[in-house]
Protein backbone atom coordinates (compact mmCIF):
# COMPACT_ATOMS: atom_id res chain seq x y z
CA MET A 1 107.48 0.10 28.91
CA ASP A 2 104.29 1.24 27.69
CA GLY A 3 103.92 2.76 31.33
CA ILE A 4 106.62 5.54 30.00
CA LEU A 5 104.23 6.73 27.36
CA LEU A 6 100.97 7.41 29.90
CA GLY A 7 100.37 10.60 31.23
CA ASN A 8 100.64 14.14 29.41
CA CYS A 9 102.72 14.79 26.64
CA ASP A 10 105.18 16.63 28.28
CA THR A 11 105.75 13.70 30.78
CA ALA A 12 106.01 11.00 28.45
CA PHE A 13 108.20 12.78 26.30
CA PHE A 14 110.59 13.64 29.53
CA SER A 15 110.57 10.19 30.51
CA TYR A 16 110.85 9.25 27.35
CA VAL A 17 114.36 11.14 27.05
CA PHE A 18 115.50 10.74 30.70
CA ILE A 19 115.57 6.90 30.12
CA LYS A 20 117.16 7.13 27.00
CA ALA A 21 119.79 9.14 28.59
CA VAL A 22 120.65 7.22 31.71
CA PHE A 23 120.49 4.12 29.70
CA PRO A 24 122.16 4.58 26.38
CA HIS A 25 123.27 0.96 25.97
CA LEU A 26 119.45 0.45 25.76
CA ARG A 27 119.37 2.52 22.45
CA LEU A 28 118.60 0.05 20.25
CA PHE A 29 115.63 -1.30 22.16
CA PHE A 30 114.20 1.87 22.09
CA LEU A 31 114.04 1.95 18.43
CA VAL A 32 111.72 -0.71 18.74
CA ILE A 33 109.16 1.50 20.02
CA ASN A 34 107.51 2.89 17.12
CA ILE A 35 107.29 6.67 17.42
CA ASP A 36 103.84 7.14 15.90
CA LYS A 37 102.56 5.26 18.89
CA PHE A 38 104.35 7.23 21.35
CA ILE A 39 103.18 10.54 19.44
CA TYR A 40 99.64 9.12 19.48
CA TYR A 41 99.80 9.52 23.58
CA CYS A 42 100.44 13.24 23.24
């Protein structure tokens, strides 16, 4: 899923939120993603 975090911050954030919204059942999976790592790409 690291591909989501590539690109500029706006794109990464949008992709992150969009996928969480479309696949709420993966909510727990996304908790595995380290928010510090996400911010690093911004």
